Amino acid sequence: MKLLLPVAPPLNNSTYNVVGRGRVKTAKYRTWIKQADIYYLLQRLGKQKPVLEPYRCKMVFPLGTPGDLDGRAKLIIDWMVSRGLTLDDKHLMSLQLDYGNLESPRSTTVEIEVTPYGAA
């Protein structure tokens, strides 16, 4: 399965603690989830066959994406799980994160490829 998503916010800026409620998603994170859902609809990902077995994931982020890629990847992986595209990330057997020149150096999308772990 191949898809494009907007670059997720940094994991460190995705939630905050509220007394009596616990962890709450920030406005920036909630906005990103809405954007990712729009990409989901536009790419007709609901019609794609989900990867429901141990899997590997490769993500190519735009050149110049600030901060740590692993935190951004975690939010993307959690989103994919929540939309039923993949199993829980405990079944993620391999994760490759790269910088690359997608459409342009100022691209705001992440190129994602998810394949079954046993596939060649």
PDB file of N, CA and C in Angstrom:
ATOM      1  N   MET A   1       0.848  -1.161   0.000  1.00  0.00           N
ATOM      2  CA  MET A   1       0.000   0.000   0.000  1.00  0.00           C
ATOM      3  C   MET A   1       0.901   1.234   0.000  1.00  0.00           C
ATOM      4  N   LYS A   2       0.591   2.162  -0.875  1.00  0.00           N
ATOM      5  CA  LYS A   2       1.325   3.427  -0.939  1.00  0.00           C
ATOM      6  C   LYS A   2       0.348   4.563  -0.686  1.00  0.00           C
ATOM      7  N   LEU A   3       0.820   5.558   0.054  1.00  0.00           N
ATOM      8  CA  LEU A   3      -0.013   6.713   0.339  1.00  0.00           C
ATOM      9  C   LEU A   3       0.840   7.934   0.615  1.00  0.00           C
ATOM     10  N   LEU A   4       0.215   9.079   0.513  1.00  0.00           N
ATOM     11  CA  LEU A   4       0.828  10.353   0.891  1.00  0.00           C
ATOM     12  C   LEU A   4       0.028  10.932   2.044  1.00  0.00           C
ATOM     13  N   LEU A   5       0.722  11.500   3.004  1.00  0.00           N
ATOM     14  CA  LEU A   5       0.075  12.188   4.115  1.00  0.00           C
ATOM     15  C   LEU A   5       0.813  13.489   4.380  1.00  0.00           C
ATOM     16  N   PRO A   6       0.131  14.449   4.981  1.00  0.00           N
ATOM     17  CA  PRO A   6       0.858  15.657   5.392  1.00  0.00           C
ATOM     18  C   PRO A   6       1.869  15.294   6.479  1.00  0.00           C
ATOM     19  N   VAL A   7       2.916  16.063   6.567  1.00  0.00           N
ATOM     20  CA  VAL A   7       3.918  15.837   7.619  1.00  0.00           C
ATOM     21  C   VAL A   7       3.249  16.038   8.977  1.00  0.00           C
ATOM     22  N   ALA A   8       3.403  15.066   9.846  1.00  0.00           N
ATOM     23  CA  ALA A   8       2.811  15.136  11.184  1.00  0.00           C
ATOM     24  C   ALA A   8       3.594  16.115  12.054  1.00  0.00           C
ATOM     25  N   PRO A   9       2.931  16.684  13.054  1.00  0.00           N
ATOM     26  CA  PRO A   9       3.666  17.549  13.989  1.00  0.00           C
ATOM     27  C   PRO A   9       4.619  16.700  14.826  1.00  0.00           C
ATOM     28  N   PRO A  10       5.567  17.324  15.487  1.00  0.00           N
ATOM     29  CA  PRO A  10       6.456  16.566  16.367  1.00  0.00           C
ATOM     30  C   PRO A  10       5.668  15.897  17.495  1.00  0.00           C
ATOM     31  N   LEU A  11       6.062  14.709  17.851  1.00  0.00           N
ATOM     32  CA  LEU A  11       5.404  13.965  18.930  1.00  0.00           C
ATOM     33  C   LEU A  11       5.409  14.765  20.232  1.00  0.00           C
ATOM     34  N   ASN A  12       6.511  15.453  20.495  1.00  0.00           N
ATOM     35  CA  ASN A  12       6.627  16.233  21.738  1.00  0.00           C
ATOM     36  C   ASN A  12       5.581  17.341  21.834  1.00  0.00           C
ATOM     37  N   ASN A  13       5.048  17.771  20.697  1.00  0.00           N
ATOM     38  CA  ASN A  13       4.068  18.856  20.687  1.00  0.00           C
ATOM     39  C   ASN A  13       2.661  18.359  20.379  1.00  0.00           C
ATOM     40  N   SER A  14       2.414  17.064  20.539  1.00  0.00           N
ATOM     41  CA  SER A  14       1.121  16.519  20.131  1.00  0.00           C
ATOM     42  C   SER A  14       0.098  16.442  21.263  1.00  0.00           C
ATOM     43  N   THR A  15       0.554  16.383  22.494  1.00  0.00           N
ATOM     44  CA  THR A  15      -0.369  16.307  23.629  1.00  0.00           C
ATOM     45  C   THR A  15       0.150  17.146  24.793  1.00  0.00           C
ATOM     46  N   TYR A  16      -0.754  17.415  25.717  1.00  0.00           N
ATOM     47  CA  TYR A  16      -0.369  18.077  26.964  1.00  0.00           C
ATOM     48  C   TYR A  16      -1.241  17.501  28.077  1.00  0.00           C
ATOM     49  N   ASN A  17      -0.826  17.684  29.303  1.00  0.00           N
ATOM     50  CA  ASN A  17      -1.560  17.137  30.445  1.00  0.00           C
ATOM     51  C   ASN A  17      -2.546  18.163  30.989  1.00  0.00           C
ATOM     52  N   VAL A  18      -3.745  17.693  31.263  1.00  0.00           N
ATOM     53  CA  VAL A  18      -4.778  18.516  31.881  1.00  0.00           C
ATOM     54  C   VAL A  18      -5.201  17.818  33.164  1.00  0.00           C
ATOM     55  N   VAL A  19      -5.134  18.524  34.257  1.00  0.00           N
ATOM     56  CA  VAL A  19      -5.507  17.955  35.544  1.00  0.00           C
ATOM     57  C   VAL A  19      -6.952  17.458  35.475  1.00  0.00           C
ATOM     58  N   GLY A  20      -7.154  16.234  35.884  1.00  0.00           N
ATOM     59  CA  GLY A  20      -8.487  15.644  35.895  1.00  0.00           C
ATOM     60  C   GLY A  20      -8.907  15.008  34.577  1.00  0.00           C
ATOM     61  N   ARG A  21      -8.160  15.273  33.503  1.00  0.00           N
ATOM     62  CA  ARG A  21      -8.494  14.688  32.196  1.00  0.00           C
ATOM     63  C   ARG A  21      -7.378  13.835  31.641  1.00  0.00           C
ATOM     64  N   GLY A  22      -6.157  14.097  32.065  1.00  0.00           N
ATOM     65  CA  GLY A  22      -5.017  13.354  31.525  1.00  0.00           C
ATOM     66  C   GLY A  22      -4.474  14.006  30.272  1.00  0.00           C
ATOM     67  N   ARG A  23      -3.983  13.176  29.355  1.00  0.00           N
ATOM     68  CA  ARG A  23      -3.362  13.690  28.138  1.00  0.00           C
ATOM     69  C   ARG A  23      -4.420  14.115  27.130  1.00  0.00           C
ATOM     70  N   VAL A  24      -4.227  15.298  26.572  1.00  0.00           N
ATOM     71  CA  VAL A  24      -5.168  15.894  25.630  1.00  0.00           C
ATOM     72  C   VAL A  24      -4.403  16.262  24.362  1.00  0.00           C
ATOM     73  N   LYS A  25      -4.987  15.993  23.205  1.00  0.00           N
ATOM     74  CA  LYS A  25      -4.358  16.338  21.935  1.00  0.00           C
ATOM     75  C   LYS A  25      -4.336  17.853  21.764  1.00  0.00           C
ATOM     76  N   THR A  26      -3.213  18.349  21.263  1.00  0.00           N
ATOM     77  CA  THR A  26      -3.102  19.783  21.004  1.00  0.00           C
ATOM     78  C   THR A  26      -3.920  20.142  19.756  1.00  0.00           C
ATOM     79  N   ALA A  27      -4.189  21.426  19.605  1.00  0.00           N
ATOM     80  CA  ALA A  27      -4.923  21.903  18.419  1.00  0.00           C
ATOM     81  C   ALA A  27      -4.155  21.557  17.147  1.00  0.00           C
ATOM     82  N   LYS A  28      -2.846  21.663  17.193  1.00  0.00           N
ATOM     83  CA  LYS A  28      -2.016  21.358  16.028  1.00  0.00           C
ATOM     84  C   LYS A  28      -2.152  19.884  15.638  1.00  0.00           C
ATOM     85  N   TYR A  29      -2.159  19.001  16.622  1.00  0.00           N
ATOM     86  CA  TYR A  29      -2.304  17.568  16.363  1.00  0.00           C
ATOM     87  C   TYR A  29      -3.703  17.262  15.835  1.00  0.00           C
ATOM     88  N   ARG A  30      -4.726  17.856  16.434  1.00  0.00           N
ATOM     89  CA  ARG A  30      -6.104  17.637  15.955  1.00  0.00           C
ATOM     90  C   ARG A  30      -6.269  18.130  14.516  1.00  0.00           C
ATOM     91  N   THR A  31      -5.653  19.253  14.193  1.00  0.00           N
ATOM     92  CA  THR A  31      -5.708  19.781  12.827  1.00  0.00           C
ATOM     93  C   THR A  31      -5.027  18.821  11.862  1.00  0.00           C
ATOM     94  N   TRP A  32      -3.873  18.287  12.260  1.00  0.00           N
ATOM     95  CA  TRP A  32      -3.169  17.339  11.397  1.00  0.00           C
ATOM     96  C   TRP A  32      -4.026  16.090  11.153  1.00  0.00           C
ATOM     97  N   ILE A  33      -4.686  15.569  12.168  1.00  0.00           N
ATOM     98  CA  ILE A  33      -5.549  14.394  12.012  1.00  0.00           C
ATOM     99  C   ILE A  33      -6.640  14.679  10.980  1.00  0.00           C
ATOM    100  N   LYS A  34      -7.239  15.861  11.048  1.00  0.00           N
ATOM    101  CA  LYS A  34      -8.265  16.231  10.057  1.00  0.00           C
ATOM    102  C   LYS A  34      -7.671  16.292   8.651  1.00  0.00           C
ATOM    103  N   GLN A  35      -6.468  16.860   8.528  1.00  0.00           N
ATOM    104  CA  GLN A  35      -5.807  16.915   7.226  1.00  0.00           C
ATOM    105  C   GLN A  35      -5.507  15.510   6.702  1.00  0.00           C
ATOM    106  N   ALA A  36      -4.998  14.646   7.579  1.00  0.00           N
ATOM    107  CA  ALA A  36      -4.688  13.267   7.183  1.00  0.00           C
ATOM    108  C   ALA A  36      -5.959  12.545   6.735  1.00  0.00           C
ATOM    109  N   ASP A  37      -7.075  12.802   7.410  1.00  0.00           N
ATOM    110  CA  ASP A  37      -8.344  12.185   7.014  1.00  0.00           C
ATOM    111  C   ASP A  37      -8.791  12.658   5.627  1.00  0.00           C
ATOM    112  N   ILE A  38      -8.519  13.906   5.294  1.00  0.00           N
ATOM    113  CA  ILE A  38      -8.842  14.403   3.954  1.00  0.00           C
ATOM    114  C   ILE A  38      -7.998  13.668   2.909  1.00  0.00           C
ATOM    115  N   TYR A  39      -6.715  13.495   3.193  1.00  0.00           N
ATOM    116  CA  TYR A  39      -5.839  12.728   2.300  1.00  0.00           C
ATOM    117  C   TYR A  39      -6.371  11.301   2.159  1.00  0.00           C
ATOM    118  N   TYR A  40      -6.842  10.723   3.254  1.00  0.00           N
ATOM    119  CA  TYR A  40      -7.425   9.372   3.265  1.00  0.00           C
ATOM    120  C   TYR A  40      -8.574   9.295   2.260  1.00  0.00           C
ATOM    121  N   LEU A  41      -9.460  10.276   2.318  1.00  0.00           N
ATOM    122  CA  LEU A  41     -10.612  10.295   1.416  1.00  0.00           C
ATOM    123  C   LEU A  41     -10.190  10.524  -0.034  1.00  0.00           C
ATOM    124  N   LEU A  42      -9.302  11.484  -0.261  1.00  0.00           N
ATOM    125  CA  LEU A  42      -8.884  11.815  -1.622  1.00  0.00           C
ATOM    126  C   LEU A  42      -8.146  10.660  -2.301  1.00  0.00           C
ATOM    127  N   GLN A  43      -7.411   9.876  -1.514  1.00  0.00           N
ATOM    128  CA  GLN A  43      -6.665   8.747  -2.068  1.00  0.00           C
ATOM    129  C   GLN A  43      -7.482   7.442  -2.052  1.00  0.00           C
ATOM    130  N   ARG A  44      -8.712   7.560  -1.569  1.00  0.00           N
ATOM    131  CA  ARG A  44      -9.609   6.387  -1.486  1.00  0.00           C
ATOM    132  C   ARG A  44      -8.959   5.226  -0.747  1.00  0.00           C
ATOM    133  N   LEU A  45      -8.325   5.550   0.360  1.00  0.00           N
ATOM    134  CA  LEU A  45      -7.617   4.530   1.120  1.00  0.00           C
ATOM    135  C   LEU A  45      -8.562   3.524   1.755  1.00  0.00           C
ATOM    136  N   GLY A  46      -9.817   3.900   1.955  1.00  0.00           N
ATOM    137  CA  GLY A  46     -10.794   2.971   2.493  1.00  0.00           C
ATOM    138  C   GLY A  46     -11.072   1.815   1.551  1.00  0.00           C
ATOM    139  N   LYS A  47     -10.747   1.988   0.274  1.00  0.00           N
ATOM    140  CA  LYS A  47     -10.951   0.928  -0.714  1.00  0.00           C
ATOM    141  C   LYS A  47      -9.699   0.071  -0.894  1.00  0.00           C
ATOM    142  N   GLN A  48      -8.590   0.493  -0.294  1.00  0.00           N
ATOM    143  CA  GLN A  48      -7.350  -0.277  -0.379  1.00  0.00           C
ATOM    144  C   GLN A  48      -7.424  -1.463   0.577  1.00  0.00           C
ATOM    145  N   LYS A  49      -6.733  -2.517   0.205  1.00  0.00           N
ATOM    146  CA  LYS A  49      -6.658  -3.680   1.077  1.00  0.00           C
ATOM    147  C   LYS A  49      -5.711  -3.346   2.239  1.00  0.00           C
ATOM    148  N   PRO A  50      -6.196  -3.420   3.479  1.00  0.00           N
ATOM    149  CA  PRO A  50      -5.313  -3.121   4.612  1.00  0.00           C
ATOM    150  C   PRO A  50      -4.243  -4.202   4.778  1.00  0.00           C
ATOM    151  N   VAL A  51      -3.177  -3.846   5.454  1.00  0.00           N
ATOM    152  CA  VAL A  51      -2.110  -4.797   5.744  1.00  0.00           C
ATOM    153  C   VAL A  51      -2.371  -5.327   7.149  1.00  0.00           C
ATOM    154  N   LEU A  52      -2.954  -6.517   7.220  1.00  0.00           N
ATOM    155  CA  LEU A  52      -3.386  -7.087   8.499  1.00  0.00           C
ATOM    156  C   LEU A  52      -2.538  -8.287   8.882  1.00  0.00           C
ATOM    157  N   GLU A  53      -1.240  -8.091   8.806  1.00  0.00           N
ATOM    158  CA  GLU A  53      -0.249  -9.084   9.196  1.00  0.00           C
ATOM    159  C   GLU A  53       1.002  -8.306   9.582  1.00  0.00           C
ATOM    160  N   PRO A  54       2.012  -8.966  10.169  1.00  0.00           N
ATOM    161  CA  PRO A  54       3.239  -8.221  10.470  1.00  0.00           C
ATOM    162  C   PRO A  54       3.708  -7.480   9.222  1.00  0.00           C
ATOM    163  N   TYR A  55       4.162  -6.245   9.419  1.00  0.00           N
ATOM    164  CA  TYR A  55       4.451  -5.390   8.274  1.00  0.00           C
ATOM    165  C   TYR A  55       5.711  -4.575   8.455  1.00  0.00           C
ATOM    166  N   ARG A  56       6.146  -4.018   7.323  1.00  0.00           N
ATOM    167  CA  ARG A  56       7.264  -3.077   7.304  1.00  0.00           C
ATOM    168  C   ARG A  56       6.738  -1.763   6.735  1.00  0.00           C
ATOM    169  N   CYS A  57       7.360  -0.685   7.124  1.00  0.00           N
ATOM    170  CA  CYS A  57       6.905   0.626   6.687  1.00  0.00           C
ATOM    171  C   CYS A  57       8.117   1.483   6.330  1.00  0.00           C
ATOM    172  N   LYS A  58       8.010   2.136   5.196  1.00  0.00           N
ATOM    173  CA  LYS A  58       9.050   3.083   4.767  1.00  0.00           C
ATOM    174  C   LYS A  58       8.387   4.435   4.609  1.00  0.00           C
ATOM    175  N   MET A  59       9.009   5.462   5.155  1.00  0.00           N
ATOM    176  CA  MET A  59       8.508   6.828   5.035  1.00  0.00           C
ATOM    177  C   MET A  59       9.623   7.720   4.509  1.00  0.00           C
ATOM    178  N   VAL A  60       9.277   8.531   3.522  1.00  0.00           N
ATOM    179  CA  VAL A  60      10.230   9.496   2.974  1.00  0.00           C
ATOM    180  C   VAL A  60       9.674  10.884   3.259  1.00  0.00           C
ATOM    181  N   PHE A  61      10.392  11.603   4.113  1.00  0.00           N
ATOM    182  CA  PHE A  61       9.996  12.946   4.523  1.00  0.00           C
ATOM    183  C   PHE A  61      10.659  13.981   3.629  1.00  0.00           C
ATOM    184  N   PRO A  62      10.038  15.143   3.478  1.00  0.00           N
ATOM    185  CA  PRO A  62      10.654  16.205   2.670  1.00  0.00           C
ATOM    186  C   PRO A  62      11.988  16.653   3.260  1.00  0.00           C
ATOM    187  N   LEU A  63      12.897  17.006   2.361  1.00  0.00           N
ATOM    188  CA  LEU A  63      14.168  17.576   2.819  1.00  0.00           C
ATOM    189  C   LEU A  63      13.874  18.802   3.669  1.00  0.00           C
ATOM    190  N   GLY A  64      14.608  18.949   4.739  1.00  0.00           N
ATOM    191  CA  GLY A  64      14.429  20.122   5.584  1.00  0.00           C
ATOM    192  C   GLY A  64      13.334  19.993   6.623  1.00  0.00           C
ATOM    193  N   THR A  65      12.715  18.817   6.732  1.00  0.00           N
ATOM    194  CA  THR A  65      11.720  18.633   7.789  1.00  0.00           C
ATOM    195  C   THR A  65      12.430  18.812   9.126  1.00  0.00           C
ATOM    196  N   PRO A  66      11.995  19.763   9.951  1.00  0.00           N
ATOM    197  CA  PRO A  66      12.697  20.001  11.206  1.00  0.00           C
ATOM    198  C   PRO A  66      12.385  18.931  12.255  1.00  0.00           C
ATOM    199  N   GLY A  67      13.275  18.804  13.204  1.00  0.00           N
ATOM    200  CA  GLY A  67      13.039  17.915  14.336  1.00  0.00           C
ATOM    201  C   GLY A  67      13.322  16.459  14.025  1.00  0.00           C
ATOM    202  N   ASP A  68      12.945  15.621  14.982  1.00  0.00           N
ATOM    203  CA  ASP A  68      13.181  14.189  14.877  1.00  0.00           C
ATOM    204  C   ASP A  68      12.111  13.531  14.012  1.00  0.00           C
ATOM    205  N   LEU A  69      12.537  12.702  13.091  1.00  0.00           N
ATOM    206  CA  LEU A  69      11.586  12.006  12.229  1.00  0.00           C
ATOM    207  C   LEU A  69      10.841  10.909  12.973  1.00  0.00           C
ATOM    208  N   ASP A  70      11.496  10.289  13.963  1.00  0.00           N
ATOM    209  CA  ASP A  70      10.856   9.152  14.633  1.00  0.00           C
ATOM    210  C   ASP A  70       9.585   9.549  15.376  1.00  0.00           C
ATOM    211  N   GLY A  71       9.559  10.720  15.969  1.00  0.00           N
ATOM    212  CA  GLY A  71       8.350  11.184  16.649  1.00  0.00           C
ATOM    213  C   GLY A  71       7.228  11.468  15.665  1.00  0.00           C
ATOM    214  N   ARG A  72       7.575  12.042  14.534  1.00  0.00           N
ATOM    215  CA  ARG A  72       6.579  12.310  13.495  1.00  0.00           C
ATOM    216  C   ARG A  72       6.048  10.990  12.929  1.00  0.00           C
ATOM    217  N   ALA A  73       6.948  10.029  12.758  1.00  0.00           N
ATOM    218  CA  ALA A  73       6.541   8.715  12.237  1.00  0.00           C
ATOM    219  C   ALA A  73       5.573   8.027  13.194  1.00  0.00           C
ATOM    220  N   LYS A  74       5.803   8.160  14.487  1.00  0.00           N
ATOM    221  CA  LYS A  74       4.923   7.525  15.475  1.00  0.00           C
ATOM    222  C   LYS A  74       3.485   8.018  15.317  1.00  0.00           C
ATOM    223  N   LEU A  75       3.292   9.295  15.122  1.00  0.00           N
ATOM    224  CA  LEU A  75       1.943   9.833  14.945  1.00  0.00           C
ATOM    225  C   LEU A  75       1.305   9.293  13.662  1.00  0.00           C
ATOM    226  N   ILE A  76       2.100   9.169  12.601  1.00  0.00           N
ATOM    227  CA  ILE A  76       1.584   8.627  11.345  1.00  0.00           C
ATOM    228  C   ILE A  76       1.197   7.162  11.516  1.00  0.00           C
ATOM    229  N   ILE A  77       2.044   6.398  12.175  1.00  0.00           N
ATOM    230  CA  ILE A  77       1.752   4.975  12.398  1.00  0.00           C
ATOM    231  C   ILE A  77       0.492   4.823  13.235  1.00  0.00           C
ATOM    232  N   ASP A  78       0.373   5.605  14.286  1.00  0.00           N
ATOM    233  CA  ASP A  78      -0.836   5.535  15.125  1.00  0.00           C
ATOM    234  C   ASP A  78      -2.078   5.894  14.317  1.00  0.00           C
ATOM    235  N   TRP A  79      -1.972   6.879  13.435  1.00  0.00           N
ATOM    236  CA  TRP A  79      -3.102   7.258  12.588  1.00  0.00           C
ATOM    237  C   TRP A  79      -3.481   6.102  11.660  1.00  0.00           C
ATOM    238  N   MET A  80      -2.485   5.448  11.038  1.00  0.00           N
ATOM    239  CA  MET A  80      -2.766   4.328  10.138  1.00  0.00           C
ATOM    240  C   MET A  80      -3.484   3.197  10.879  1.00  0.00           C
ATOM    241  N   VAL A  81      -3.056   2.931  12.116  1.00  0.00           N
ATOM    242  CA  VAL A  81      -3.714   1.904  12.930  1.00  0.00           C
ATOM    243  C   VAL A  81      -5.153   2.320  13.217  1.00  0.00           C
ATOM    244  N   SER A  82      -5.358   3.579  13.588  1.00  0.00           N
ATOM    245  CA  SER A  82      -6.702   4.048  13.953  1.00  0.00           C
ATOM    246  C   SER A  82      -7.667   4.029  12.772  1.00  0.00           C
ATOM    247  N   ARG A  83      -7.147   4.066  11.556  1.00  0.00           N
ATOM    248  CA  ARG A  83      -7.998   4.042  10.361  1.00  0.00           C
ATOM    249  C   ARG A  83      -8.115   2.642   9.770  1.00  0.00           C
ATOM    250  N   GLY A  84      -7.537   1.656  10.456  1.00  0.00           N
ATOM    251  CA  GLY A  84      -7.656   0.264  10.008  1.00  0.00           C
ATOM    252  C   GLY A  84      -6.798  -0.091   8.808  1.00  0.00           C
ATOM    253  N   LEU A  85      -5.804   0.732   8.496  1.00  0.00           N
ATOM    254  CA  LEU A  85      -4.926   0.439   7.363  1.00  0.00           C
ATOM    255  C   LEU A  85      -3.868  -0.596   7.711  1.00  0.00           C
ATOM    256  N   THR A  86      -3.493  -0.649   8.990  1.00  0.00           N
ATOM    257  CA  THR A  86      -2.494  -1.608   9.468  1.00  0.00           C
ATOM    258  C   THR A  86      -2.934  -2.140  10.826  1.00  0.00           C
ATOM    259  N   LEU A  87      -2.275  -3.209  11.234  1.00  0.00           N
ATOM    260  CA  LEU A  87      -2.463  -3.728  12.589  1.00  0.00           C
ATOM    261  C   LEU A  87      -1.783  -2.783  13.578  1.00  0.00           C
ATOM    262  N   ASP A  88      -1.991  -3.047  14.849  1.00  0.00           N
ATOM    263  CA  ASP A  88      -1.313  -2.309  15.911  1.00  0.00           C
ATOM    264  C   ASP A  88       0.189  -2.281  15.636  1.00  0.00           C
ATOM    265  N   ASP A  89       0.827  -1.210  16.040  1.00  0.00           N
ATOM    266  CA  ASP A  89       2.249  -1.073  15.730  1.00  0.00           C
ATOM    267  C   ASP A  89       3.142  -2.076  16.440  1.00  0.00           C
ATOM    268  N   LYS A  90       2.609  -2.894  17.332  1.00  0.00           N
ATOM    269  CA  LYS A  90       3.426  -3.980  17.886  1.00  0.00           C
ATOM    270  C   LYS A  90       3.745  -5.004  16.794  1.00  0.00           C
ATOM    271  N   HIS A  91       3.016  -4.950  15.671  1.00  0.00           N
ATOM    272  CA  HIS A  91       3.259  -5.841  14.541  1.00  0.00           C
ATOM    273  C   HIS A  91       4.153  -5.202  13.484  1.00  0.00           C
ATOM    274  N   LEU A  92       4.617  -3.986  13.741  1.00  0.00           N
ATOM    275  CA  LEU A  92       5.537  -3.304  12.837  1.00  0.00           C
ATOM    276  C   LEU A  92       6.930  -3.903  13.040  1.00  0.00           C
ATOM    277  N   MET A  93       7.402  -4.620  12.039  1.00  0.00           N
ATOM    278  CA  MET A  93       8.659  -5.355  12.165  1.00  0.00           C
ATOM    279  C   MET A  93       9.862  -4.575  11.645  1.00  0.00           C
ATOM    280  N   SER A  94       9.619  -3.603  10.784  1.00  0.00           N
ATOM    281  CA  SER A  94      10.708  -2.834  10.196  1.00  0.00           C
ATOM    282  C   SER A  94      10.191  -1.440   9.865  1.00  0.00           C
ATOM    283  N   LEU A  95      10.958  -0.428  10.262  1.00  0.00           N
ATOM    284  CA  LEU A  95      10.592   0.957   9.982  1.00  0.00           C
ATOM    285  C   LEU A  95      11.805   1.662   9.403  1.00  0.00           C
ATOM    286  N   GLN A  96      11.652   2.213   8.206  1.00  0.00           N
ATOM    287  CA  GLN A  96      12.718   2.954   7.546  1.00  0.00           C
ATOM    288  C   GLN A  96      12.260   4.389   7.356  1.00  0.00           C
ATOM    289  N   LEU A  97      13.054   5.324   7.856  1.00  0.00           N
ATOM    290  CA  LEU A  97      12.743   6.752   7.750  1.00  0.00           C
ATOM    291  C   LEU A  97      13.856   7.432   6.973  1.00  0.00           C
ATOM    292  N   ASP A  98      13.475   8.142   5.924  1.00  0.00           N
ATOM    293  CA  ASP A  98      14.453   8.810   5.070  1.00  0.00           C
ATOM    294  C   ASP A  98      14.030  10.245   4.812  1.00  0.00           C
ATOM    295  N   TYR A  99      15.028  11.052   4.488  1.00  0.00           N
ATOM    296  CA  TYR A  99      14.760  12.357   3.897  1.00  0.00           C
ATOM    297  C   TYR A  99      14.878  12.174   2.394  1.00  0.00           C
ATOM    298  N   GLY A 100      14.062  12.869   1.666  1.00  0.00           N
ATOM    299  CA  GLY A 100      14.155  12.773   0.224  1.00  0.00           C
ATOM    300  C   GLY A 100      13.527  13.978  -0.423  1.00  0.00           C
ATOM    301  N   ASN A 101      13.816  14.166  -1.672  1.00  0.00           N
ATOM    302  CA  ASN A 101      13.252  15.271  -2.424  1.00  0.00           C
ATOM    303  C   ASN A 101      12.020  14.756  -3.145  1.00  0.00           C
ATOM    304  N   LEU A 102      10.855  14.963  -2.567  1.00  0.00           N
ATOM    305  CA  LEU A 102       9.630  14.487  -3.187  1.00  0.00           C
ATOM    306  C   LEU A 102       9.271  15.426  -4.331  1.00  0.00           C
ATOM    307  N   GLU A 103       8.121  16.086  -4.275  1.00  0.00           N
ATOM    308  CA  GLU A 103       7.764  16.997  -5.361  1.00  0.00           C
ATOM    309  C   GLU A 103       8.724  18.173  -5.446  1.00  0.00           C
ATOM    310  N   SER A 104       9.127  18.670  -4.298  1.00  0.00           N
ATOM    311  CA  SER A 104      10.053  19.794  -4.250  1.00  0.00           C
ATOM    312  C   SER A 104      10.649  19.841  -2.852  1.00  0.00           C
ATOM    313  N   PRO A 105      11.729  20.579  -2.680  1.00  0.00           N
ATOM    314  CA  PRO A 105      12.317  20.687  -1.341  1.00  0.00           C
ATOM    315  C   PRO A 105      11.359  21.300  -0.321  1.00  0.00           C
ATOM    316  N   ARG A 106      10.305  21.984  -0.776  1.00  0.00           N
ATOM    317  CA  ARG A 106       9.353  22.611   0.143  1.00  0.00           C
ATOM    318  C   ARG A 106       8.086  21.770   0.294  1.00  0.00           C
ATOM    319  N   SER A 107       8.153  20.528  -0.114  1.00  0.00           N
ATOM    320  CA  SER A 107       6.995  19.646  -0.015  1.00  0.00           C
ATOM    321  C   SER A 107       6.533  19.536   1.437  1.00  0.00           C
ATOM    322  N   THR A 108       5.260  19.327   1.609  1.00  0.00           N
ATOM    323  CA  THR A 108       4.703  19.182   2.953  1.00  0.00           C
ATOM    324  C   THR A 108       4.082  17.802   3.135  1.00  0.00           C
ATOM    325  N   THR A 109       4.424  16.861   2.240  1.00  0.00           N
ATOM    326  CA  THR A 109       3.856  15.520   2.343  1.00  0.00           C
ATOM    327  C   THR A 109       4.929  14.471   2.586  1.00  0.00           C
ATOM    328  N   VAL A 110       4.493  13.389   3.203  1.00  0.00           N
ATOM    329  CA  VAL A 110       5.343  12.235   3.476  1.00  0.00           C
ATOM    330  C   VAL A 110       4.891  11.113   2.553  1.00  0.00           C
ATOM    331  N   GLU A 111       5.829  10.497   1.872  1.00  0.00           N
ATOM    332  CA  GLU A 111       5.534   9.351   1.022  1.00  0.00           C
ATOM    333  C   GLU A 111       5.684   8.092   1.878  1.00  0.00           C
ATOM    334  N   ILE A 112       4.642   7.266   1.917  1.00  0.00           N
ATOM    335  CA  ILE A 112       4.613   6.110   2.811  1.00  0.00           C
ATOM    336  C   ILE A 112       4.349   4.857   1.990  1.00  0.00           C
ATOM    337  N   GLU A 113       5.088   3.801   2.304  1.00  0.00           N
ATOM    338  CA  GLU A 113       4.853   2.501   1.699  1.00  0.00           C
ATOM    339  C   GLU A 113       4.793   1.465   2.810  1.00  0.00           C
ATOM    340  N   VAL A 114       3.704   0.700   2.833  1.00  0.00           N
ATOM    341  CA  VAL A 114       3.510  -0.354   3.832  1.00  0.00           C
ATOM    342  C   VAL A 114       3.383  -1.669   3.087  1.00  0.00           C
ATOM    343  N   THR A 115       4.192  -2.649   3.474  1.00  0.00           N
ATOM    344  CA  THR A 115       4.147  -3.965   2.846  1.00  0.00           C
ATOM    345  C   THR A 115       4.174  -5.045   3.916  1.00  0.00           C
ATOM    346  N   PRO A 116       3.619  -6.218   3.611  1.00  0.00           N
ATOM    347  CA  PRO A 116       3.737  -7.323   4.560  1.00  0.00           C
ATOM    348  C   PRO A 116       5.211  -7.614   4.823  1.00  0.00           C
ATOM    349  N   TYR A 117       5.532  -7.960   6.047  1.00  0.00           N
ATOM    350  CA  TYR A 117       6.923  -8.169   6.422  1.00  0.00           C
ATOM    351  C   TYR A 117       7.557  -9.329   5.648  1.00  0.00           C
ATOM    352  N   GLY A 118       6.789 -10.343   5.385  1.00  0.00           N
ATOM    353  CA  GLY A 118       7.333 -11.511   4.679  1.00  0.00           C
ATOM    354  C   GLY A 118       7.467 -11.319   3.188  1.00  0.00           C
ATOM    355  N   ALA A 119       6.938 -10.227   2.633  1.00  0.00           N
ATOM    356  CA  ALA A 119       7.017  -9.996   1.192  1.00  0.00           C
ATOM    357  C   ALA A 119       8.430  -9.641   0.780  1.00  0.00           C
ATOM    358  N   ALA A 120       8.798 -10.060  -0.416  1.00  0.00           N
ATOM    359  CA  ALA A 120      10.156  -9.787  -0.914  1.00  0.00           C
ATOM    360  C   ALA A 120      10.330  -8.322  -1.248  1.00  0.00           C
TER     361      ALA A 120
END
